[in-house]
Amino acid sequence: MARRTAGGDGTATTGNSEALAAAFADGPAYVPYLAVGDPDYESSLAYVEALDRGGADVIELGLPFSEPIAEGPTIQGAVVRSLEGGMTPDRFFEFVEDLDVDAPLVCMTYYNLIYQYGDGEARSASETSDDAASGGPRAFVEKAAEVGLEGFVVPDLPAEEADPLREACDEFGLDLVFIVAPTTKGERLERIMRRVSGYVYVQARLGTTGAKSDVADSTTESLDRLREYDVPKAVGFGISTGEHAERIVAGGADGIIVGSALVDVVADGVEEDLPTEAVADRLESLSRELKAGAERGHAARTGTAESR
């Protein structure tokens, strides 16, 4: 399959995942994130399924890593709870298979876990002994495709070092999403946009993840800088309310990515010792608010009475 690759003229071909392309094809996409296994396996299943009921168009599933350098305290806490609950890459893949959702699923994790997966384990017969000895992303990507994932977000993987993962994604039909920061410009931006597919994660502000009370001015500047590239632009970092979602989509975003505000709901449930069903209801309600805000923003931008 051809991947969505922006050329010098800003054009792009079709991404690997038809499901991700469809998610952005008909209006603003709501892309929520939760750390898988937070606070435990069964509750986490219920929470991700609540996001789906709340209107998620794509769901980012966090595979916890012990050194999440891009994350603020909220998601770091979720990572700790998940790891303490026994989450591993293989358990993560089981989780994906156990989910009952309609939204396409993207794995958000760190490259160390992808690269080392399969070391010392059985690999597919198509791999040589040299492949098995040297490590690499292929085994992880193959397994991800097998369980039904549609792509990856890898915050610590520079575009300059991404070709092995890009090639494995192309081989198995998955997309590779890159994060573009407010400071990403020039040749570095070009390198990212030559390799991105599915959608580009537009970082709304510098720093680590975390829910905020305002929308950064740099968001509009970043969207303007990416306008020539024919790939969906989803804005994340700091979105926590329907009003935020509305303003960002009205300003030109094709979607919103929300993590910390949702993880806060899970953390509050742990602190308050709430039943799983109560936390799931809160997640579904907040998701509906965020989705509705994105649709209002789309209606304001396009001059339509309502979005999809």
C-alpha atoms as a PDB file:
ATOM      1  CA  MET A   1       0.000   0.000   0.000  1.00  0.00           C
ATOM      2  CA  ALA A   2       1.098   3.589  -0.585  1.00  0.00           C
ATOM      3  CA  ARG A   3       1.642   5.729   2.449  1.00  0.00           C
ATOM      4  CA  ARG A   4       0.655   9.333   2.954  1.00  0.00           C
ATOM      5  CA  THR A   5       3.900  11.123   2.160  1.00  0.00           C
ATOM      6  CA  ALA A   6       4.100  14.856   1.633  1.00  0.00           C
ATOM      7  CA  GLY A   7       6.311  15.907  -1.225  1.00  0.00           C
ATOM      8  CA  GLY A   8       7.901  19.232  -1.951  1.00  0.00           C
ATOM      9  CA  ASP A   9       4.675  20.522  -3.472  1.00  0.00           C
ATOM     10  CA  GLY A  10       2.729  19.640  -0.319  1.00  0.00           C
ATOM     11  CA  THR A  11       0.782  16.830  -1.948  1.00  0.00           C
ATOM     12  CA  ALA A  12       0.334  13.474  -0.276  1.00  0.00           C
ATOM     13  CA  THR A  13      -0.619   9.992  -1.264  1.00  0.00           C
ATOM     14  CA  THR A  14      -3.078   7.763   0.553  1.00  0.00           C
ATOM     15  CA  GLY A  15      -2.134   6.527   4.017  1.00  0.00           C
ATOM     16  CA  ASN A  16      -1.718   2.854   4.809  1.00  0.00           C
ATOM     17  CA  SER A  17      -4.756   2.635   7.077  1.00  0.00           C
ATOM     18  CA  GLU A  18      -8.104   3.135   5.387  1.00  0.00           C
ATOM     19  CA  ALA A  19      -9.689   3.324   8.848  1.00  0.00           C
ATOM     20  CA  LEU A  20      -7.567   6.314   9.869  1.00  0.00           C
ATOM     21  CA  ALA A  21      -8.220   8.049   6.564  1.00  0.00           C
ATOM     22  CA  ALA A  22     -11.961   7.563   7.062  1.00  0.00           C
ATOM     23  CA  ALA A  23     -11.799   8.965  10.601  1.00  0.00           C
ATOM     24  CA  PHE A  24     -10.690  12.356   9.263  1.00  0.00           C
ATOM     25  CA  ALA A  25     -12.638  12.316   6.000  1.00  0.00           C
ATOM     26  CA  ASP A  26     -15.983  13.694   7.082  1.00  0.00           C
ATOM     27  CA  GLY A  27     -15.424  16.326   9.741  1.00  0.00           C
ATOM     28  CA  PRO A  28     -13.335  16.895  12.861  1.00  0.00           C
ATOM     29  CA  ALA A  29     -11.854  13.782  14.472  1.00  0.00           C
ATOM     30  CA  TYR A  30     -11.939  13.328  18.236  1.00  0.00           C
ATOM     31  CA  VAL A  31      -8.831  11.349  19.249  1.00  0.00           C
ATOM     32  CA  PRO A  32      -8.728  10.447  22.968  1.00  0.00           C
ATOM     33  CA  TYR A  33      -5.810   8.804  24.772  1.00  0.00           C
ATOM     34  CA  LEU A  34      -5.655   6.509  27.793  1.00  0.00           C
ATOM     35  CA  ALA A  35      -2.819   4.465  29.235  1.00  0.00           C
ATOM     36  CA  VAL A  36      -3.672   0.791  28.835  1.00  0.00           C
ATOM     37  CA  GLY A  37      -3.958  -1.065  32.142  1.00  0.00           C
ATOM     38  CA  ASP A  38      -4.655   2.030  34.243  1.00  0.00           C
ATOM     39  CA  PRO A  39      -5.553   1.304  37.015  1.00  0.00           C
ATOM     40  CA  ASP A  40      -6.083  -2.382  36.135  1.00  0.00           C
ATOM     41  CA  TYR A  41      -6.780  -4.492  33.065  1.00  0.00           C
ATOM     42  CA  GLU A  42     -10.567  -4.922  33.347  1.00  0.00           C
ATOM     43  CA  SER A  43     -11.272  -1.326  34.346  1.00  0.00           C
ATOM     44  CA  SER A  44      -9.091  -0.090  31.511  1.00  0.00           C
ATOM     45  CA  LEU A  45     -11.116  -2.118  29.011  1.00  0.00           C
ATOM     46  CA  ALA A  46     -14.306  -0.484  30.289  1.00  0.00           C
ATOM     47  CA  TYR A  47     -12.743   2.986  30.135  1.00  0.00           C
ATOM     48  CA  VAL A  48     -11.530   2.666  26.532  1.00  0.00           C
ATOM     49  CA  GLU A  49     -14.927   1.333  25.478  1.00  0.00           C
ATOM     50  CA  ALA A  50     -16.526   4.359  27.175  1.00  0.00           C
ATOM     51  CA  LEU A  51     -14.416   6.645  24.967  1.00  0.00           C
ATOM     52  CA  ASP A  52     -15.747   4.805  21.943  1.00  0.00           C
ATOM     53  CA  ARG A  53     -19.361   5.299  23.079  1.00  0.00           C
ATOM     54  CA  GLY A  54     -18.589   8.961  23.707  1.00  0.00           C
ATOM     55  CA  GLY A  55     -17.795   9.589  20.051  1.00  0.00           C
ATOM     56  CA  ALA A  56     -14.122   8.749  19.566  1.00  0.00           C
ATOM     57  CA  ASP A  57     -13.069   8.654  15.916  1.00  0.00           C
ATOM     58  CA  VAL A  58      -9.600   7.275  16.677  1.00  0.00           C
ATOM     59  CA  ILE A  59      -8.330   6.027  20.059  1.00  0.00           C
ATOM     60  CA  GLU A  60      -4.682   6.321  21.078  1.00  0.00           C
ATOM     61  CA  LEU A  61      -3.739   3.468  23.406  1.00  0.00           C
ATOM     62  CA  GLY A  62      -0.719   4.179  25.556  1.00  0.00           C
ATOM     63  CA  LEU A  63       1.682   1.265  26.001  1.00  0.00           C
ATOM     64  CA  PRO A  64       3.430   2.276  29.233  1.00  0.00           C
ATOM     65  CA  PHE A  65       7.193   2.781  29.291  1.00  0.00           C
ATOM     66  CA  SER A  66       9.216   3.350  32.455  1.00  0.00           C
ATOM     67  CA  GLU A  67      10.760   6.601  31.189  1.00  0.00           C
ATOM     68  CA  PRO A  68       7.963   8.581  29.448  1.00  0.00           C
ATOM     69  CA  ILE A  69       9.974  11.699  28.652  1.00  0.00           C
ATOM     70  CA  ALA A  70       7.183  13.530  26.794  1.00  0.00           C
ATOM     71  CA  GLU A  71       4.624  13.123  29.557  1.00  0.00           C
ATOM     72  CA  GLY A  72       3.645  15.398  32.412  1.00  0.00           C
ATOM     73  CA  PRO A  73       2.767  14.273  35.955  1.00  0.00           C
ATOM     74  CA  THR A  74      -0.779  13.192  35.066  1.00  0.00           C
ATOM     75  CA  ILE A  75       0.204  10.611  32.459  1.00  0.00           C
ATOM     76  CA  GLN A  76       3.327   9.635  34.396  1.00  0.00           C
ATOM     77  CA  GLY A  77       0.994   8.638  37.232  1.00  0.00           C
ATOM     78  CA  ALA A  78      -1.076   6.544  34.828  1.00  0.00           C
ATOM     79  CA  VAL A  79       2.084   4.849  33.554  1.00  0.00           C
ATOM     80  CA  VAL A  80       3.135   3.950  37.100  1.00  0.00           C
ATOM     81  CA  ARG A  81      -0.281   2.492  37.923  1.00  0.00           C
ATOM     82  CA  SER A  82      -0.296   0.476  34.712  1.00  0.00           C
ATOM     83  CA  LEU A  83       3.210  -0.920  35.131  1.00  0.00           C
ATOM     84  CA  GLU A  84       2.534  -1.797  38.755  1.00  0.00           C
ATOM     85  CA  GLY A  85      -0.542  -3.667  37.522  1.00  0.00           C
ATOM     86  CA  GLY A  86       1.639  -5.851  35.312  1.00  0.00           C
ATOM     87  CA  MET A  87       1.232  -4.269  31.872  1.00  0.00           C
ATOM     88  CA  THR A  88       3.698  -5.552  29.260  1.00  0.00           C
ATOM     89  CA  PRO A  89       3.822  -5.395  25.456  1.00  0.00           C
ATOM     90  CA  ASP A  90       2.308  -8.875  25.136  1.00  0.00           C
ATOM     91  CA  ARG A  91      -0.413  -8.020  27.646  1.00  0.00           C
ATOM     92  CA  PHE A  92      -1.034  -4.848  25.646  1.00  0.00           C
ATOM     93  CA  PHE A  93      -1.635  -6.869  22.492  1.00  0.00           C
ATOM     94  CA  GLU A  94      -4.055  -9.109  24.408  1.00  0.00           C
ATOM     95  CA  PHE A  95      -5.863  -5.970  25.543  1.00  0.00           C
ATOM     96  CA  VAL A  96      -6.300  -4.775  21.958  1.00  0.00           C
ATOM     97  CA  GLU A  97      -7.793  -8.131  21.000  1.00  0.00           C
ATOM     98  CA  ASP A  98     -10.188  -8.019  23.977  1.00  0.00           C
ATOM     99  CA  LEU A  99     -11.558  -4.551  23.177  1.00  0.00           C
ATOM    100  CA  ASP A 100     -15.043  -4.145  21.722  1.00  0.00           C
ATOM    101  CA  VAL A 101     -14.883  -0.777  19.945  1.00  0.00           C
ATOM    102  CA  ASP A 102     -15.635   0.673  16.517  1.00  0.00           C
ATOM    103  CA  ALA A 103     -12.954   3.392  16.463  1.00  0.00           C
ATOM    104  CA  PRO A 104      -9.587   2.550  14.888  1.00  0.00           C
ATOM    105  CA  LEU A 105      -6.762   2.090  17.385  1.00  0.00           C
ATOM    106  CA  VAL A 106      -3.290   3.632  17.414  1.00  0.00           C
ATOM    107  CA  CYS A 107      -0.466   2.600  19.748  1.00  0.00           C
ATOM    108  CA  MET A 108       1.389   5.431  21.480  1.00  0.00           C
ATOM    109  CA  THR A 109       4.643   4.259  23.014  1.00  0.00           C
ATOM    110  CA  TYR A 110       8.405   4.710  23.080  1.00  0.00           C
ATOM    111  CA  TYR A 111      10.824   3.253  20.579  1.00  0.00           C
ATOM    112  CA  ASN A 112      12.761   1.140  23.041  1.00  0.00           C
ATOM    113  CA  LEU A 113       9.736  -1.143  23.515  1.00  0.00           C
ATOM    114  CA  ILE A 114       9.126  -1.395  19.776  1.00  0.00           C
ATOM    115  CA  TYR A 115      12.763  -2.057  18.894  1.00  0.00           C
ATOM    116  CA  GLN A 116      13.425  -4.690  21.550  1.00  0.00           C
ATOM    117  CA  TYR A 117      10.176  -6.618  21.167  1.00  0.00           C
ATOM    118  CA  GLY A 118      10.835 -10.191  20.151  1.00  0.00           C
ATOM    119  CA  ASP A 119      14.408 -10.355  21.470  1.00  0.00           C
ATOM    120  CA  GLY A 120      14.747 -13.840  22.862  1.00  0.00           C
ATOM    121  CA  GLU A 121      11.236 -14.815  21.699  1.00  0.00           C
ATOM    122  CA  ALA A 122       9.954 -16.760  18.718  1.00  0.00           C
ATOM    123  CA  ARG A 123       9.756 -14.679  15.562  1.00  0.00           C
ATOM    124  CA  SER A 124       7.954 -15.244  12.321  1.00  0.00           C
ATOM    125  CA  ALA A 125       9.393 -17.753   9.904  1.00  0.00           C
ATOM    126  CA  SER A 126       9.890 -14.978   7.351  1.00  0.00           C
ATOM    127  CA  GLU A 127      12.653 -13.372   9.471  1.00  0.00           C
ATOM    128  CA  THR A 128      16.258 -14.449   9.197  1.00  0.00           C
ATOM    129  CA  SER A 129      18.495 -15.318  12.118  1.00  0.00           C
ATOM    130  CA  ASP A 130      20.355 -12.046  11.560  1.00  0.00           C
ATOM    131  CA  ASP A 131      17.065 -10.133  11.925  1.00  0.00           C
ATOM    132  CA  ALA A 132      16.352 -11.928  15.188  1.00  0.00           C
ATOM    133  CA  ALA A 133      19.817 -11.259  16.547  1.00  0.00           C
ATOM    134  CA  SER A 134      19.890  -7.556  15.715  1.00  0.00           C
ATOM    135  CA  GLY A 135      16.475  -6.558  17.013  1.00  0.00           C
ATOM    136  CA  GLY A 136      14.402  -3.956  15.222  1.00  0.00           C
ATOM    137  CA  PRO A 137      10.816  -2.828  14.883  1.00  0.00           C
ATOM    138  CA  ARG A 138       9.498  -5.441  12.439  1.00  0.00           C
ATOM    139  CA  ALA A 139       8.361  -8.031  14.987  1.00  0.00           C
ATOM    140  CA  PHE A 140       6.403  -5.463  16.978  1.00  0.00           C
ATOM    141  CA  VAL A 141       4.750  -4.005  13.891  1.00  0.00           C
ATOM    142  CA  GLU A 142       3.847  -7.464  12.606  1.00  0.00           C
ATOM    143  CA  LYS A 143       2.157  -8.309  15.905  1.00  0.00           C
ATOM    144  CA  ALA A 144       0.400  -4.926  16.000  1.00  0.00           C
ATOM    145  CA  ALA A 145      -1.066  -5.552  12.555  1.00  0.00           C
ATOM    146  CA  GLU A 146      -2.123  -9.051  13.593  1.00  0.00           C
ATOM    147  CA  VAL A 147      -4.183  -7.776  16.569  1.00  0.00           C
ATOM    148  CA  GLY A 148      -5.781  -4.952  14.584  1.00  0.00           C
ATOM    149  CA  LEU A 149      -3.872  -1.773  15.379  1.00  0.00           C
ATOM    150  CA  GLU A 150      -3.835   0.883  12.655  1.00  0.00           C
ATOM    151  CA  GLY A 151      -0.700   2.862  13.451  1.00  0.00           C
ATOM    152  CA  PHE A 152       1.817   4.287  15.903  1.00  0.00           C
ATOM    153  CA  VAL A 153       2.767   7.510  17.650  1.00  0.00           C
ATOM    154  CA  VAL A 154       6.359   7.330  18.948  1.00  0.00           C
ATOM    155  CA  PRO A 155       7.285  10.575  20.761  1.00  0.00           C
ATOM    156  CA  ASP A 156      11.003   9.839  21.155  1.00  0.00           C
ATOM    157  CA  LEU A 157      11.712   8.671  17.595  1.00  0.00           C
ATOM    158  CA  PRO A 158      13.385  11.355  15.441  1.00  0.00           C
ATOM    159  CA  ALA A 159      12.385  11.409  11.789  1.00  0.00           C
ATOM    160  CA  GLU A 160      16.047  10.958  10.870  1.00  0.00           C
ATOM    161  CA  GLU A 161      16.053   7.529  12.572  1.00  0.00           C
ATOM    162  CA  ALA A 162      12.549   6.433  11.637  1.00  0.00           C
ATOM    163  CA  ASP A 163      13.129   4.638   8.335  1.00  0.00           C
ATOM    164  CA  PRO A 164      13.213   1.069   9.772  1.00  0.00           C
ATOM    165  CA  LEU A 165       9.874   1.624  11.517  1.00  0.00           C
ATOM    166  CA  ARG A 166       8.480   3.420   8.468  1.00  0.00           C
ATOM    167  CA  GLU A 167       9.426   0.466   6.269  1.00  0.00           C
ATOM    168  CA  ALA A 168       7.884  -2.051   8.665  1.00  0.00           C
ATOM    169  CA  CYS A 169       4.678  -0.007   8.810  1.00  0.00           C
ATOM    170  CA  ASP A 170       4.515   0.035   5.025  1.00  0.00           C
ATOM    171  CA  GLU A 171       5.084  -3.709   4.880  1.00  0.00           C
ATOM    172  CA  PHE A 172       2.185  -4.465   7.226  1.00  0.00           C
ATOM    173  CA  GLY A 173      -0.159  -1.625   6.244  1.00  0.00           C
ATOM    174  CA  LEU A 174       0.069   0.581   9.351  1.00  0.00           C
ATOM    175  CA  ASP A 175       0.485   4.330   9.642  1.00  0.00           C
ATOM    176  CA  LEU A 176       3.246   6.247  11.427  1.00  0.00           C
ATOM    177  CA  VAL A 177       2.192   9.491  13.090  1.00  0.00           C
ATOM    178  CA  PHE A 178       4.792  12.121  13.965  1.00  0.00           C
ATOM    179  CA  ILE A 179       4.574  14.958  16.478  1.00  0.00           C
ATOM    180  CA  VAL A 180       5.285  18.477  15.194  1.00  0.00           C
ATOM    181  CA  ALA A 181       6.241  20.982  17.900  1.00  0.00           C
ATOM    182  CA  PRO A 182       5.713  24.763  17.695  1.00  0.00           C
ATOM    183  CA  THR A 183       9.437  25.104  16.994  1.00  0.00           C
ATOM    184  CA  THR A 184       9.587  22.496  14.190  1.00  0.00           C
ATOM    185  CA  LYS A 185      10.445  24.282  10.950  1.00  0.00           C
ATOM    186  CA  GLY A 186      12.604  24.180   7.838  1.00  0.00           C
ATOM    187  CA  GLU A 187      14.375  20.991   6.791  1.00  0.00           C
ATOM    188  CA  ARG A 188      13.414  19.166   9.989  1.00  0.00           C
ATOM    189  CA  LEU A 189       9.747  19.777   9.245  1.00  0.00           C
ATOM    190  CA  GLU A 190      10.279  18.547   5.680  1.00  0.00           C
ATOM    191  CA  ARG A 191      11.905  15.345   6.931  1.00  0.00           C
ATOM    192  CA  ILE A 192       8.958  14.656   9.239  1.00  0.00           C
ATOM    193  CA  MET A 193       6.357  15.365   6.593  1.00  0.00           C
ATOM    194  CA  ARG A 194       8.088  13.075   4.090  1.00  0.00           C
ATOM    195  CA  ARG A 195       7.640  10.184   6.532  1.00  0.00           C
ATOM    196  CA  VAL A 196       4.309  10.903   8.257  1.00  0.00           C
ATOM    197  CA  SER A 197       1.115   9.040   7.431  1.00  0.00           C
ATOM    198  CA  GLY A 198      -2.369   8.787   8.915  1.00  0.00           C
ATOM    199  CA  TYR A 199      -2.307  12.181  10.596  1.00  0.00           C
ATOM    200  CA  VAL A 200       0.210  14.587  12.053  1.00  0.00           C
ATOM    201  CA  TYR A 201       0.095  15.252  15.802  1.00  0.00           C
ATOM    202  CA  VAL A 202       0.366  19.027  16.172  1.00  0.00           C
ATOM    203  CA  GLN A 203       1.794  19.869  19.589  1.00  0.00           C
ATOM    204  CA  ALA A 204      -0.109  22.911  20.806  1.00  0.00           C
ATOM    205  CA  ARG A 205       2.589  24.137  23.186  1.00  0.00           C
ATOM    206  CA  LEU A 206       6.147  23.434  24.306  1.00  0.00           C
ATOM    207  CA  GLY A 207       6.772  21.233  27.312  1.00  0.00           C
ATOM    208  CA  THR A 208       5.154  18.001  28.453  1.00  0.00           C
ATOM    209  CA  THR A 209       1.583  16.805  28.289  1.00  0.00           C
ATOM    210  CA  GLY A 210      -1.039  18.089  30.719  1.00  0.00           C
ATOM    211  CA  ALA A 211      -4.507  19.605  30.754  1.00  0.00           C
ATOM    212  CA  LYS A 212      -4.497  23.416  30.560  1.00  0.00           C
ATOM    213  CA  SER A 213      -7.035  26.181  31.120  1.00  0.00           C
ATOM    214  CA  ASP A 214      -6.330  28.020  27.866  1.00  0.00           C
ATOM    215  CA  VAL A 215      -5.425  27.479  24.216  1.00  0.00           C
ATOM    216  CA  ALA A 216      -1.858  28.373  23.241  1.00  0.00           C
ATOM    217  CA  ASP A 217      -1.371  31.108  20.625  1.00  0.00           C
ATOM    218  CA  SER A 218       1.257  28.919  18.954  1.00  0.00           C
ATOM    219  CA  THR A 219      -1.467  26.486  17.854  1.00  0.00           C
ATOM    220  CA  THR A 220      -2.691  28.703  15.024  1.00  0.00           C
ATOM    221  CA  GLU A 221       0.859  29.432  13.915  1.00  0.00           C
ATOM    222  CA  SER A 222       1.650  25.709  13.754  1.00  0.00           C
ATOM    223  CA  LEU A 223      -1.495  24.971  11.734  1.00  0.00           C
ATOM    224  CA  ASP A 224      -0.649  27.766   9.314  1.00  0.00           C
ATOM    225  CA  ARG A 225       2.862  26.322   8.866  1.00  0.00           C
ATOM    226  CA  LEU A 226       1.398  22.907   8.012  1.00  0.00           C
ATOM    227  CA  ARG A 227      -1.391  24.090   5.748  1.00  0.00           C
ATOM    228  CA  GLU A 228       0.433  23.186   2.527  1.00  0.00           C
ATOM    229  CA  TYR A 229       0.718  19.508   3.528  1.00  0.00           C
ATOM    230  CA  ASP A 230      -2.135  17.269   2.502  1.00  0.00           C
ATOM    231  CA  VAL A 231      -2.356  15.213   5.683  1.00  0.00           C
ATOM    232  CA  PRO A 232      -4.882  15.620   8.547  1.00  0.00           C
ATOM    233  CA  LYS A 233      -3.687  17.848  11.392  1.00  0.00           C
ATOM    234  CA  ALA A 234      -4.786  16.830  14.889  1.00  0.00           C
ATOM    235  CA  VAL A 235      -3.911  19.171  17.751  1.00  0.00           C
ATOM    236  CA  GLY A 236      -2.967  17.878  21.198  1.00  0.00           C
ATOM    237  CA  PHE A 237      -1.288  18.938  24.475  1.00  0.00           C
ATOM    238  CA  GLY A 238      -3.546  20.804  26.883  1.00  0.00           C
ATOM    239  CA  ILE A 239      -7.094  20.347  25.516  1.00  0.00           C
ATOM    240  CA  SER A 240      -9.520  19.728  28.371  1.00  0.00           C
ATOM    241  CA  THR A 241     -12.923  21.251  27.529  1.00  0.00           C
ATOM    242  CA  GLY A 242     -15.446  21.462  24.735  1.00  0.00           C
ATOM    243  CA  GLU A 243     -14.642  25.161  24.425  1.00  0.00           C
ATOM    244  CA  HIS A 244     -10.968  24.353  23.794  1.00  0.00           C
ATOM    245  CA  ALA A 245     -11.980  21.823  21.151  1.00  0.00           C
ATOM    246  CA  GLU A 246     -14.282  24.315  19.461  1.00  0.00           C
ATOM    247  CA  ARG A 247     -11.617  27.034  19.276  1.00  0.00           C
ATOM    248  CA  ILE A 248      -8.932  24.711  17.935  1.00  0.00           C
ATOM    249  CA  VAL A 249     -11.093  23.209  15.188  1.00  0.00           C
ATOM    250  CA  ALA A 250     -12.475  26.630  14.279  1.00  0.00           C
ATOM    251  CA  GLY A 251      -8.835  27.729  13.909  1.00  0.00           C
ATOM    252  CA  GLY A 252      -8.138  25.100  11.260  1.00  0.00           C
ATOM    253  CA  ALA A 253      -7.436  21.771  12.972  1.00  0.00           C
ATOM    254  CA  ASP A 254      -8.786  18.570  11.441  1.00  0.00           C
ATOM    255  CA  GLY A 255      -9.012  16.931  14.836  1.00  0.00           C
ATOM    256  CA  ILE A 256      -8.259  17.144  18.546  1.00  0.00           C
ATOM    257  CA  ILE A 257      -6.154  14.816  20.696  1.00  0.00           C
ATOM    258  CA  VAL A 258      -7.069  14.668  24.378  1.00  0.00           C
ATOM    259  CA  GLY A 259      -5.094  12.731  26.984  1.00  0.00           C
ATOM    260  CA  SER A 260      -4.425  14.290  30.358  1.00  0.00           C
ATOM    261  CA  ALA A 261      -7.989  15.516  30.932  1.00  0.00           C
ATOM    262  CA  LEU A 262      -9.227  11.942  30.490  1.00  0.00           C
ATOM    263  CA  VAL A 263      -6.432  10.406  32.544  1.00  0.00           C
ATOM    264  CA  ASP A 264      -7.361  12.870  35.310  1.00  0.00           C
ATOM    265  CA  VAL A 265     -10.834  11.297  35.365  1.00  0.00           C
ATOM    266  CA  VAL A 266      -9.275   7.868  35.856  1.00  0.00           C
ATOM    267  CA  ALA A 267      -6.937   9.174  38.567  1.00  0.00           C
ATOM    268  CA  ASP A 268      -9.844  10.819  40.388  1.00  0.00           C
ATOM    269  CA  GLY A 269     -11.675   7.515  40.273  1.00  0.00           C
ATOM    270  CA  VAL A 270      -8.717   5.808  41.925  1.00  0.00           C
ATOM    271  CA  GLU A 271      -8.400   8.514  44.581  1.00  0.00           C
ATOM    272  CA  GLU A 272     -12.132   8.526  45.329  1.00  0.00           C
ATOM    273  CA  ASP A 273     -12.409   4.719  45.125  1.00  0.00           C
ATOM    274  CA  LEU A 274     -15.241   4.985  42.610  1.00  0.00           C
ATOM    275  CA  PRO A 275     -16.821   1.984  40.898  1.00  0.00           C
ATOM    276  CA  THR A 276     -15.608   1.288  37.363  1.00  0.00           C
ATOM    277  CA  GLU A 277     -19.043   2.102  35.950  1.00  0.00           C
ATOM    278  CA  ALA A 278     -19.036   5.583  37.507  1.00  0.00           C
ATOM    279  CA  VAL A 279     -15.635   6.428  36.058  1.00  0.00           C
ATOM    280  CA  ALA A 280     -16.670   5.068  32.661  1.00  0.00           C
ATOM    281  CA  ASP A 281     -19.749   7.301  32.726  1.00  0.00           C
ATOM    282  CA  ARG A 282     -17.585  10.348  33.460  1.00  0.00           C
ATOM    283  CA  LEU A 283     -15.256   9.477  30.584  1.00  0.00           C
ATOM    284  CA  GLU A 284     -18.158   9.034  28.197  1.00  0.00           C
ATOM    285  CA  SER A 285     -19.699  12.354  29.279  1.00  0.00           C
ATOM    286  CA  LEU A 286     -16.447  14.299  28.862  1.00  0.00           C
ATOM    287  CA  SER A 287     -15.906  12.635  25.501  1.00  0.00           C
ATOM    288  CA  ARG A 288     -19.319  13.767  24.312  1.00  0.00           C
ATOM    289  CA  GLU A 289     -18.518  17.316  25.429  1.00  0.00           C
ATOM    290  CA  LEU A 290     -15.193  17.320  23.573  1.00  0.00           C
ATOM    291  CA  LYS A 291     -16.686  15.797  20.433  1.00  0.00           C
ATOM    292  CA  ALA A 292     -19.540  18.316  20.438  1.00  0.00           C
ATOM    293  CA  GLY A 293     -17.085  21.183  20.849  1.00  0.00           C
ATOM    294  CA  ALA A 294     -15.061  19.972  17.878  1.00  0.00           C
ATOM    295  CA  GLU A 295     -18.196  19.795  15.764  1.00  0.00           C
ATOM    296  CA  ARG A 296     -19.212  23.331  16.755  1.00  0.00           C
ATOM    297  CA  GLY A 297     -15.779  24.533  15.699  1.00  0.00           C
ATOM    298  CA  HIS A 298     -16.103  22.746  12.382  1.00  0.00           C
ATOM    299  CA  ALA A 299     -19.533  24.306  11.808  1.00  0.00           C
ATOM    300  CA  ALA A 300     -18.163  27.776  12.584  1.00  0.00           C
ATOM    301  CA  ARG A 301     -15.227  27.314  10.215  1.00  0.00           C
ATOM    302  CA  THR A 302     -17.223  25.896   7.324  1.00  0.00           C
ATOM    303  CA  GLY A 303     -20.368  27.977   7.773  1.00  0.00           C
ATOM    304  CA  THR A 304     -22.572  24.920   8.132  1.00  0.00           C
ATOM    305  CA  ALA A 305     -25.386  24.502  10.626  1.00  0.00           C
ATOM    306  CA  GLU A 306     -23.787  21.378  12.072  1.00  0.00           C
ATOM    307  CA  SER A 307     -20.951  18.977  11.426  1.00  0.00           C
ATOM    308  CA  ARG A 308     -21.219  15.232  10.987  1.00  0.00           C
END
